[in-house]
Amino acid sequence: MGKQGRERRLLLSRLIRGDTILSGVAAGALALLAGFISLPLLSLVVWTVDHGSMRAVFHGEAHEALMLSLKTTAISMTFIIAVGTPAAYLLARKDFPGRRAVDTLIDLPAVLPPSAAGVALLLAFGRMGLLGEHLSAVGITVSFTTAAVVMAEIFVAAHFYVRQAVVGFSQVRREVEEAAMVDGAGGLGVFLRITIPLAFPALLAGAITSWARALGEFGGTIIFAGNFPGVTRTVPLAIFTALESDLDAAVALSVLVLGFAFTVILAARLLLRRAAEMER
């Protein structure tokens, strides 16, 4: 027993020492990664404070771009929620031919390079595109208009809402819905009064994340919609343009987007945590 006890103590000592070394390496890696990410973000904030550049957001083209972004993202999110909610419900609850293909198709814009998305939209809805050519024949122009901005935002952001909505609907227990039906509620009534409220934290988290992605859309927009002040120049495009002539405006808009992003991530995590607690 004495020999076995010494061997166990030696093994335990080695495990503790190994765990300490691993923890130290992991902590160093985490600190390095956090520092690498935080330094550029901190630089934006420091520049804004030192130069008072935040004033530039409320004047000239920066303010115009901000208003346009708020307008286009409001329209795109209305469409994404209106169409994406029933679509996500179908994906979460029904098994139909081609479901996996459709599920994969919805995920494609999330991994497609934004520039490729812009080219694809241009070839589909541009004046010489598959559908755009027919639209042009009847006097309807889509590319290089505000409508093109909205379409680009929908294309790249819809996935984030639909994917989270699918998770939310999947977590709603069927017994609750069935109990409501037993009490006399119809299918639509159950969906609106039971399913949607129970899945709401996940739906809201998805909507917030999707809105943030739409707000930050750049590649698809600049190719499919162009960069015209007051028409298609959204905040990301205004940042890109301002780098050549007004650095303060570019920094101020970047800080503004940074604040939006931080708020979005925090809100989404809180909502998802609430959804998980409701599931338990």
Protein backbone atom coordinates (compact mmCIF):
# COMPACT_ATOMS: atom_id res chain seq x y z
CA MET A 1 0.00 0.00 0.00
CA GLY A 2 2.84 2.34 0.80
CA LYS A 3 4.35 1.93 -2.65
CA GLN A 4 0.94 2.27 -4.33
CA GLY A 5 0.23 5.37 -2.28
CA ARG A 6 3.50 6.98 -3.37
CA GLU A 7 2.75 6.13 -7.01
CA ARG A 8 -0.74 7.66 -6.75
CA ARG A 9 0.65 10.81 -5.13
CA LEU A 10 3.31 11.04 -7.84
CA LEU A 11 0.69 10.59 -10.56
CA LEU A 12 -1.56 13.19 -8.95
CA SER A 13 1.37 15.61 -8.70
CA ARG A 14 2.13 15.15 -12.39
CA LEU A 15 -1.49 15.69 -13.34
CA ILE A 16 -1.69 18.87 -11.28
CA ARG A 17 1.60 20.14 -12.74
CA GLY A 18 0.44 19.31 -16.27
CA ASP A 19 -2.90 21.00 -15.69
CA THR A 20 -1.14 24.08 -14.33
CA ILE A 21 1.10 24.30 -17.40
CA LEU A 22 -1.87 23.79 -19.75
CA SER A 23 -3.89 26.42 -17.92
CA GLY A 24 -0.98 28.85 -18.13
CA VAL A 25 -0.56 28.31 -21.87
CA ALA A 26 -4.32 28.64 -22.42
CA ALA A 27 -4.44 31.85 -20.37
CA GLY A 28 -1.54 33.28 -22.36
CA ALA A 29 -3.21 32.39 -25.66
CA LEU A 30 -6.49 33.95 -24.53
CA ALA A 31 -4.71 37.11 -23.40
CA LEU A 32 -2.86 37.33 -26.74
CA LEU A 33 -6.06 36.90 -28.75
CA ALA A 34 -8.03 39.36 -26.59
CA GLY A 35 -5.22 41.90 -26.82
CA PHE A 36 -4.95 41.53 -30.59
CA ILE A 37 -8.69 42.16 -30.98
CA SER A 38 -9.01 44.92 -28.39
CA LEU A 39 -6.03 47.06 -29.46
CA PRO A 40 -7.49 48.22 -32.83
CA LEU A 41 -10.88 48.78 -31.21
CA LEU A 42 -9.31 50.76 -28.39
CA SER A 43 -7.42 52.83 -30.96
CA LEU A 44 -10.71 53.87 -32.55
CA VAL A 45 -12.09 55.04 -29.21
CA VAL A 46 -8.88 56.87 -28.24
CA TRP A 47 -8.76 58.70 -31.59
CA THR A 48 -12.40 59.72 -31.20
CA VAL A 49 -11.82 61.10 -27.72
CA ASP A 50 -8.57 62.92 -28.59
CA HIS A 51 -9.86 64.49 -31.82
CA GLY A 52 -13.52 64.93 -30.95
CA SER A 53 -14.37 63.28 -34.24
CA MET A 54 -17.79 62.04 -33.10
CA ARG A 55 -19.24 65.42 -34.16
CA ALA A 56 -18.60 64.43 -37.76
CA VAL A 57 -21.36 61.80 -37.59
CA PHE A 58 -24.05 64.45 -37.32
CA HIS A 59 -22.94 66.54 -40.27
CA GLY A 60 -22.64 66.14 -44.03
CA GLU A 61 -22.43 62.82 -45.83
CA ALA A 62 -21.79 60.82 -42.65
CA HIS A 63 -25.20 61.78 -41.26
CA GLU A 64 -26.78 61.12 -44.65
CA ALA A 65 -25.22 57.66 -44.81
CA LEU A 66 -26.37 56.85 -41.27
CA MET A 67 -29.96 57.82 -42.08
CA LEU A 68 -29.87 55.77 -45.28
CA SER A 69 -28.54 52.73 -43.41
CA LEU A 70 -31.27 52.98 -40.80
CA LYS A 71 -33.89 53.27 -43.53
CA THR A 72 -32.66 50.37 -45.66
CA THR A 73 -32.03 48.03 -42.73
CA ALA A 74 -35.53 48.75 -41.37
CA ILE A 75 -37.01 47.73 -44.73
CA SER A 76 -34.80 44.67 -45.10
CA MET A 77 -35.54 43.49 -41.55
CA THR A 78 -39.28 43.88 -42.09
CA PHE A 79 -39.00 41.59 -45.11
CA ILE A 80 -36.67 39.11 -43.38
CA ILE A 81 -38.93 38.75 -40.35
CA ALA A 82 -42.15 38.57 -42.39
CA VAL A 83 -40.82 35.90 -44.76
CA GLY A 84 -38.19 34.26 -42.56
CA THR A 85 -40.48 33.47 -39.62
CA PRO A 86 -42.89 31.10 -41.43
CA ALA A 87 -39.99 29.73 -43.49
CA ALA A 88 -38.04 28.92 -40.32
CA TYR A 89 -41.11 27.32 -38.76
CA LEU A 90 -41.48 25.03 -41.77
CA LEU A 91 -37.80 24.06 -41.63
CA ALA A 92 -38.01 23.39 -37.90
CA ARG A 93 -41.22 21.37 -37.87
CA LYS A 94 -41.77 19.72 -41.25
CA ASP A 95 -39.89 17.11 -43.22
CA PHE A 96 -40.42 17.57 -46.95
CA PRO A 97 -38.63 16.55 -50.16
CA GLY A 98 -35.59 18.74 -50.72
CA ARG A 99 -35.53 20.05 -47.16
CA ARG A 100 -31.78 19.52 -46.74
CA ALA A 101 -31.07 21.22 -50.05
CA VAL A 102 -33.19 24.24 -49.07
CA ASP A 103 -31.57 24.32 -45.62
CA THR A 104 -28.11 24.35 -47.22
CA LEU A 105 -29.15 26.98 -49.75
CA ILE A 106 -30.21 29.38 -46.98
CA ASP A 107 -26.81 28.96 -45.33
CA LEU A 108 -24.80 29.66 -48.50
CA PRO A 109 -24.80 33.50 -48.28
CA ALA A 110 -23.19 33.21 -44.84
CA VAL A 111 -20.03 31.66 -46.32
CA LEU A 112 -20.13 33.27 -49.77
CA PRO A 113 -17.62 36.15 -50.16
CA PRO A 114 -19.55 39.46 -50.11
CA SER A 115 -18.05 40.46 -53.45
CA ALA A 116 -19.29 37.20 -55.00
CA ALA A 117 -22.74 37.92 -53.56
CA GLY A 118 -22.69 41.32 -55.26
CA VAL A 119 -21.71 39.80 -58.60
CA ALA A 120 -24.44 37.15 -58.26
CA LEU A 121 -27.08 39.79 -57.52
CA LEU A 122 -25.88 41.89 -60.43
CA LEU A 123 -26.10 38.94 -62.84
CA ALA A 124 -29.58 38.15 -61.60
CA PHE A 125 -31.16 41.60 -61.24
CA GLY A 126 -28.85 43.91 -63.19
CA ARG A 127 -29.95 45.41 -66.50
CA MET A 128 -28.43 42.49 -68.40
CA GLY A 129 -29.23 39.90 -65.72
CA LEU A 130 -31.48 36.86 -65.92
CA LEU A 131 -34.46 38.68 -64.41
CA GLY A 132 -33.19 42.24 -64.63
CA GLU A 133 -33.23 42.19 -68.43
CA HIS A 134 -36.98 41.53 -68.41
CA LEU A 135 -37.55 44.14 -65.72
CA SER A 136 -35.62 46.72 -67.75
CA ALA A 137 -37.83 45.95 -70.74
CA VAL A 138 -40.84 47.23 -68.79
CA GLY A 139 -38.98 50.23 -67.36
CA ILE A 140 -37.99 48.80 -63.96
CA THR A 141 -34.37 49.30 -62.88
CA VAL A 142 -33.12 47.56 -59.73
CA SER A 143 -29.32 47.74 -59.79
CA PHE A 144 -27.60 50.89 -58.49
CA THR A 145 -30.70 52.06 -56.64
CA THR A 146 -31.74 52.12 -52.99
CA ALA A 147 -33.79 48.99 -53.68
CA ALA A 148 -30.53 47.23 -54.61
CA VAL A 149 -29.11 48.13 -51.19
CA VAL A 150 -32.10 46.52 -49.50
CA MET A 151 -31.80 43.40 -51.65
CA ALA A 152 -28.09 43.05 -50.88
CA GLU A 153 -28.80 43.38 -47.15
CA ILE A 154 -31.55 40.75 -47.32
CA PHE A 155 -29.32 38.39 -49.27
CA VAL A 156 -26.48 38.44 -46.73
CA ALA A 157 -28.48 38.84 -43.50
CA ALA A 158 -31.54 36.59 -43.85
CA HIS A 159 -29.56 33.49 -42.88
CA PHE A 160 -28.81 34.81 -39.40
CA TYR A 161 -32.48 35.31 -38.57
CA VAL A 162 -33.76 32.11 -40.16
CA ARG A 163 -31.10 29.93 -38.53
CA GLN A 164 -31.79 31.31 -35.05
CA ALA A 165 -35.56 31.14 -35.61
CA VAL A 166 -35.27 27.46 -36.55
CA VAL A 167 -33.51 26.81 -33.25
CA GLY A 168 -36.15 28.76 -31.36
CA PHE A 169 -39.07 26.91 -32.93
CA SER A 170 -37.34 23.56 -32.40
CA GLN A 171 -37.09 24.25 -28.67
CA VAL A 172 -40.82 24.90 -28.23
CA ARG A 173 -42.35 21.79 -26.68
CA ARG A 174 -45.08 20.18 -28.72
CA GLU A 175 -47.08 19.26 -25.61
CA VAL A 176 -47.78 22.92 -24.90
CA GLU A 177 -49.10 23.49 -28.42
CA GLU A 178 -51.15 20.29 -28.31
CA ALA A 179 -52.69 21.33 -24.99
CA ALA A 180 -53.77 24.62 -26.55
CA MET A 181 -55.34 22.76 -29.47
CA VAL A 182 -57.23 20.51 -27.04
CA ASP A 183 -58.61 23.67 -25.46
CA GLY A 184 -60.01 24.69 -28.85
CA ALA A 185 -57.30 26.87 -30.37
CA GLY A 186 -56.74 26.62 -34.11
CA GLY A 187 -53.41 26.13 -35.83
CA LEU A 188 -52.88 29.82 -36.58
CA GLY A 189 -53.98 30.81 -33.08
CA VAL A 190 -51.52 28.36 -31.52
CA PHE A 191 -48.73 29.69 -33.73
CA LEU A 192 -49.40 33.33 -32.88
CA ARG A 193 -50.32 32.98 -29.20
CA ILE A 194 -48.20 30.03 -28.07
CA THR A 195 -45.36 29.21 -30.44
CA ILE A 196 -44.21 32.74 -31.27
CA PRO A 197 -44.17 33.96 -27.62
CA LEU A 198 -42.25 30.88 -26.46
CA ALA A 199 -39.72 31.20 -29.27
CA PHE A 200 -39.58 35.00 -29.02
CA PRO A 201 -36.20 35.34 -27.23
CA ALA A 202 -34.52 33.31 -29.97
CA LEU A 203 -36.42 35.18 -32.69
CA LEU A 204 -35.40 38.53 -31.24
CA ALA A 205 -31.78 37.44 -30.89
CA GLY A 206 -31.80 36.34 -34.52
CA ALA A 207 -33.40 39.59 -35.64
CA ILE A 208 -30.81 41.68 -33.79
CA THR A 209 -27.91 39.68 -35.23
CA SER A 210 -29.42 39.83 -38.71
CA TRP A 211 -29.90 43.59 -38.44
CA ALA A 212 -26.28 44.04 -37.41
CA ARG A 213 -25.13 42.01 -40.41
CA ALA A 214 -27.33 44.08 -42.72
CA LEU A 215 -25.94 47.28 -41.21
CA GLY A 216 -22.38 46.15 -41.89
CA GLU A 217 -22.94 44.93 -45.45
CA PHE A 218 -20.32 46.31 -47.85
CA GLY A 219 -19.12 44.02 -50.64
CA GLY A 220 -22.47 43.10 -52.14
CA THR A 221 -23.73 46.66 -51.85
CA ILE A 222 -20.83 48.39 -53.58
CA ILE A 223 -20.96 45.96 -56.55
CA PHE A 224 -24.72 45.64 -56.96
CA ALA A 225 -25.87 49.08 -55.74
CA GLY A 226 -22.83 51.31 -56.20
CA ASN A 227 -21.64 54.13 -53.98
CA PHE A 228 -23.88 57.11 -54.65
CA PRO A 229 -24.39 59.71 -51.87
CA GLY A 230 -27.93 59.77 -50.54
CA VAL A 231 -28.98 56.84 -52.73
CA THR A 232 -26.77 53.81 -52.03
CA ARG A 233 -23.93 55.09 -49.80
CA THR A 234 -24.60 53.33 -46.50
CA VAL A 235 -22.42 53.55 -43.38
CA PRO A 236 -19.80 50.95 -44.47
CA LEU A 237 -19.45 52.64 -47.86
CA ALA A 238 -19.26 56.05 -46.19
CA ILE A 239 -16.42 54.80 -43.98
CA PHE A 240 -14.56 53.54 -47.06
CA THR A 241 -15.11 56.83 -48.91
CA ALA A 242 -14.28 59.06 -45.93
CA LEU A 243 -10.86 57.46 -45.52
CA GLU A 244 -9.72 59.45 -48.55
CA SER A 245 -10.99 62.87 -47.47
CA ASP A 246 -12.32 62.95 -43.88
CA LEU A 247 -10.59 60.61 -41.45
CA ASP A 248 -12.56 61.95 -38.49
CA ALA A 249 -15.84 60.99 -40.14
CA ALA A 250 -14.49 57.51 -40.96
CA VAL A 251 -13.35 56.99 -37.37
CA ALA A 252 -16.58 58.35 -35.90
CA LEU A 253 -18.73 56.08 -38.05
CA SER A 254 -16.49 53.13 -37.19
CA VAL A 255 -16.92 53.82 -33.48
CA LEU A 256 -20.66 54.10 -33.97
CA VAL A 257 -20.76 50.71 -35.71
CA LEU A 258 -18.54 49.30 -32.96
CA GLY A 259 -21.04 50.46 -30.35
CA PHE A 260 -23.88 48.88 -32.30
CA ALA A 261 -21.96 45.62 -32.62
CA PHE A 262 -21.15 45.45 -28.90
CA THR A 263 -24.78 46.12 -27.99
CA VAL A 264 -26.00 43.52 -30.48
CA ILE A 265 -23.70 40.78 -29.17
CA LEU A 266 -24.58 41.53 -25.56
CA ALA A 267 -28.33 41.61 -26.25
CA ALA A 268 -28.22 38.41 -28.33
CA ARG A 269 -26.37 36.51 -25.60
CA LEU A 270 -28.76 37.68 -22.91
CA LEU A 271 -31.75 36.68 -25.01
CA LEU A 272 -30.30 33.27 -25.85
CA ARG A 273 -29.53 32.69 -22.17
CA ARG A 274 -33.11 33.57 -21.35
CA ALA A 275 -34.34 31.16 -24.01
CA ALA A 276 -32.19 28.38 -22.56
CA GLU A 277 -33.52 29.08 -19.07
CA MET A 278 -37.10 28.94 -20.34
CA GLU A 279 -36.34 25.59 -21.98
CA ARG A 280 -35.14 24.18 -18.63
